[in-house]
C-alpha atoms as a PDB file:
ATOM      1  CA  MET A   1       0.042  -0.185   0.027  1.00  0.00           C
ATOM      2  CA  ARG A   2       1.331   3.514  -0.988  1.00  0.00           C
ATOM      3  CA  SER A   3       1.545   6.428   1.348  1.00  0.00           C
ATOM      4  CA  PRO A   4      -0.602   9.426   0.594  1.00  0.00           C
ATOM      5  CA  GLY A   5       1.375  11.813  -1.818  1.00  0.00           C
ATOM      6  CA  THR A   6       4.006   9.234  -3.193  1.00  0.00           C
ATOM      7  CA  ASP A   7       1.881   8.195  -6.216  1.00  0.00           C
ATOM      8  CA  HIS A   8       3.936   9.803  -9.128  1.00  0.00           C
ATOM      9  CA  THR A   9       1.932   8.582 -11.928  1.00  0.00           C
ATOM     10  CA  ASN A  10      -0.335  10.778 -13.857  1.00  0.00           C
ATOM     11  CA  ASN A  11      -3.079   7.960 -14.337  1.00  0.00           C
ATOM     12  CA  TRP A  12      -2.545   7.883 -18.049  1.00  0.00           C
ATOM     13  CA  GLN A  13      -1.130   4.523 -19.039  1.00  0.00           C
ATOM     14  CA  GLY A  14       0.806   4.518 -15.624  1.00  0.00           C
ATOM     15  CA  GLU A  15       3.537   6.976 -16.900  1.00  0.00           C
ATOM     16  CA  PRO A  16       5.418   8.733 -14.161  1.00  0.00           C
ATOM     17  CA  SER A  17       3.960  12.378 -14.028  1.00  0.00           C
ATOM     18  CA  PHE A  18       7.526  13.735 -13.822  1.00  0.00           C
ATOM     19  CA  LEU A  19       7.865  12.787 -17.447  1.00  0.00           C
ATOM     20  CA  PHE A  20       5.094  15.506 -18.456  1.00  0.00           C
ATOM     21  CA  HIS A  21       6.347  18.231 -16.296  1.00  0.00           C
ATOM     22  CA  HIS A  22       7.586  21.180 -18.387  1.00  0.00           C
ATOM     23  CA  GLU A  23       9.378  24.121 -17.319  1.00  0.00           C
ATOM     24  CA  PRO A  24       7.679  27.482 -18.619  1.00  0.00           C
ATOM     25  CA  GLU A  25       9.107  28.556 -21.896  1.00  0.00           C
ATOM     26  CA  LEU A  26      11.214  31.526 -21.734  1.00  0.00           C
ATOM     27  CA  GLU A  27      10.346  34.548 -23.958  1.00  0.00           C
ATOM     28  CA  LEU A  28      12.973  35.143 -26.911  1.00  0.00           C
ATOM     29  CA  ASN A  29      13.838  38.769 -27.231  1.00  0.00           C
ATOM     30  CA  ARG A  30      15.667  39.982 -30.249  1.00  0.00           C
ATOM     31  CA  VAL A  31      17.535  43.156 -29.990  1.00  0.00           C
ATOM     32  CA  ILE A  32      20.397  45.207 -31.690  1.00  0.00           C
ATOM     33  CA  ARG A  33      23.054  45.970 -29.436  1.00  0.00           C
ATOM     34  CA  HIS A  34      26.265  48.069 -30.151  1.00  0.00           C
ATOM     35  CA  SER A  35      29.228  45.842 -30.032  1.00  0.00           C
ATOM     36  CA  ALA A  36      31.510  48.209 -28.106  1.00  0.00           C
ATOM     37  CA  THR A  37      29.312  50.019 -25.676  1.00  0.00           C
ATOM     38  CA  HIS A  38      26.670  47.304 -25.358  1.00  0.00           C
ATOM     39  CA  ALA A  39      23.864  49.889 -25.511  1.00  0.00           C
ATOM     40  CA  PHE A  40      20.748  48.744 -27.127  1.00  0.00           C
ATOM     41  CA  PHE A  41      18.969  50.293 -30.117  1.00  0.00           C
ATOM     42  CA  SER A  42      15.674  52.098 -29.165  1.00  0.00           C
ATOM     43  CA  HIS A  43      13.720  54.145 -31.612  1.00  0.00           C
ATOM     44  CA  GLY A  44      16.520  55.314 -33.788  1.00  0.00           C
ATOM     45  CA  ASP A  45      18.838  56.224 -30.725  1.00  0.00           C
ATOM     46  CA  TRP A  46      20.676  53.968 -28.066  1.00  0.00           C
ATOM     47  CA  THR A  47      19.905  53.223 -24.518  1.00  0.00           C
ATOM     48  CA  PRO A  48      21.720  51.479 -21.654  1.00  0.00           C
ATOM     49  CA  ASP A  49      18.266  49.998 -20.503  1.00  0.00           C
ATOM     50  CA  PHE A  50      17.153  46.577 -21.867  1.00  0.00           C
ATOM     51  CA  ALA A  51      13.618  47.184 -20.938  1.00  0.00           C
ATOM     52  CA  ALA A  52      13.539  50.195 -23.231  1.00  0.00           C
ATOM     53  CA  ALA A  53      15.294  48.427 -26.168  1.00  0.00           C
ATOM     54  CA  ASP A  54      13.411  47.932 -29.491  1.00  0.00           C
ATOM     55  CA  LYS A  55      12.180  44.176 -29.447  1.00  0.00           C
ATOM     56  CA  PHE A  56      12.150  42.913 -32.757  1.00  0.00           C
ATOM     57  CA  ALA A  57       9.548  39.991 -33.914  1.00  0.00           C
ATOM     58  CA  ASP A  58      11.768  38.552 -36.629  1.00  0.00           C
ATOM     59  CA  THR A  59      15.164  38.615 -38.249  1.00  0.00           C
ATOM     60  CA  LEU A  60      13.740  40.333 -41.383  1.00  0.00           C
ATOM     61  CA  SER A  61      12.722  43.426 -39.186  1.00  0.00           C
ATOM     62  CA  ILE A  62      15.980  43.575 -37.571  1.00  0.00           C
ATOM     63  CA  LEU A  63      17.835  43.426 -40.811  1.00  0.00           C
ATOM     64  CA  LYS A  64      15.501  46.274 -42.258  1.00  0.00           C
ATOM     65  CA  THR A  65      16.570  48.467 -39.258  1.00  0.00           C
ATOM     66  CA  PHE A  66      20.081  47.567 -39.544  1.00  0.00           C
ATOM     67  CA  LEU A  67      20.109  48.819 -43.155  1.00  0.00           C
ATOM     68  CA  GLN A  68      17.478  51.820 -42.859  1.00  0.00           C
ATOM     69  CA  HIS A  69      19.620  53.412 -39.927  1.00  0.00           C
ATOM     70  CA  LYS A  70      23.040  52.347 -41.511  1.00  0.00           C
ATOM     71  CA  LEU A  71      24.051  50.788 -38.168  1.00  0.00           C
ATOM     72  CA  LYS A  72      27.840  49.958 -37.720  1.00  0.00           C
ATOM     73  CA  ASP A  73      29.705  47.934 -35.063  1.00  0.00           C
ATOM     74  CA  VAL A  74      26.440  46.260 -33.864  1.00  0.00           C
ATOM     75  CA  GLU A  75      25.212  42.519 -33.119  1.00  0.00           C
ATOM     76  CA  LEU A  76      21.967  40.795 -32.866  1.00  0.00           C
ATOM     77  CA  LEU A  77      21.460  39.776 -29.342  1.00  0.00           C
ATOM     78  CA  LEU A  78      19.023  36.711 -28.749  1.00  0.00           C
ATOM     79  CA  VAL A  79      17.949  37.018 -25.160  1.00  0.00           C
ATOM     80  CA  PHE A  80      16.050  34.133 -23.461  1.00  0.00           C
ATOM     81  CA  GLY A  81      13.944  35.872 -20.772  1.00  0.00           C
ATOM     82  CA  ASN A  82      13.560  39.317 -19.527  1.00  0.00           C
ATOM     83  CA  HIS A  83      17.011  40.272 -19.256  1.00  0.00           C
ATOM     84  CA  PRO A  84      20.544  39.668 -20.816  1.00  0.00           C
ATOM     85  CA  SER A  85      22.530  36.758 -19.336  1.00  0.00           C
ATOM     86  CA  PRO A  86      25.609  34.736 -20.248  1.00  0.00           C
ATOM     87  CA  ALA A  87      23.165  32.273 -21.898  1.00  0.00           C
ATOM     88  CA  ASP A  88      22.413  34.656 -24.621  1.00  0.00           C
ATOM     89  CA  ILE A  89      23.394  34.239 -28.459  1.00  0.00           C
ATOM     90  CA  VAL A  90      25.382  37.113 -30.021  1.00  0.00           C
ATOM     91  CA  LEU A  91      25.524  37.451 -33.593  1.00  0.00           C
ATOM     92  CA  PRO A  92      27.502  40.190 -35.136  1.00  0.00           C
ATOM     93  CA  LEU A  93      25.680  42.124 -38.040  1.00  0.00           C
ATOM     94  CA  ARG A  94      27.783  43.642 -40.711  1.00  0.00           C
ATOM     95  CA  GLU A  95      27.653  44.456 -44.371  1.00  0.00           C
ATOM     96  CA  GLN A  96      30.183  42.327 -46.388  1.00  0.00           C
ATOM     97  CA  SER A  97      30.156  44.327 -49.762  1.00  0.00           C
ATOM     98  CA  PRO A  98      28.956  47.557 -51.323  1.00  0.00           C
ATOM     99  CA  GLY A  99      26.135  45.488 -52.797  1.00  0.00           C
ATOM    100  CA  GLY A 100      24.482  45.377 -49.473  1.00  0.00           C
ATOM    101  CA  GLN A 101      24.847  41.597 -48.522  1.00  0.00           C
ATOM    102  CA  ILE A 102      24.609  41.157 -44.863  1.00  0.00           C
ATOM    103  CA  SER A 103      26.363  38.888 -42.607  1.00  0.00           C
ATOM    104  CA  CYS A 104      24.944  37.372 -39.506  1.00  0.00           C
ATOM    105  CA  ARG A 105      27.103  34.848 -38.168  1.00  0.00           C
ATOM    106  CA  PRO A 106      29.580  34.165 -35.376  1.00  0.00           C
ATOM    107  CA  PHE A 107      32.969  35.895 -35.487  1.00  0.00           C
ATOM    108  CA  GLU A 108      35.568  34.058 -37.617  1.00  0.00           C
ATOM    109  CA  ALA A 109      38.798  32.973 -35.970  1.00  0.00           C
END
């Protein structure tokens, strides 16, 4: 006989309930950050405040902003959650040619 509170099945084919426990998904925030100052792009200007940074819905809108504002020395920062952390993904943004080709990939050694 089991003690109360020790039944770890979810009553669905006897599978352990911990197999169905999911951590809440972290929100993905896409922002443009200046490479040297680490300031965030916000409405055509720069801010040190991540909360005030422009959050982009997709990569295409980031690239349009990059070209429209002729940004230099910037990177795409993918932030998982509500504030930057060491787990973020950083991809430098730079034009590769006068023809306007854009590169968004990790730095090459």
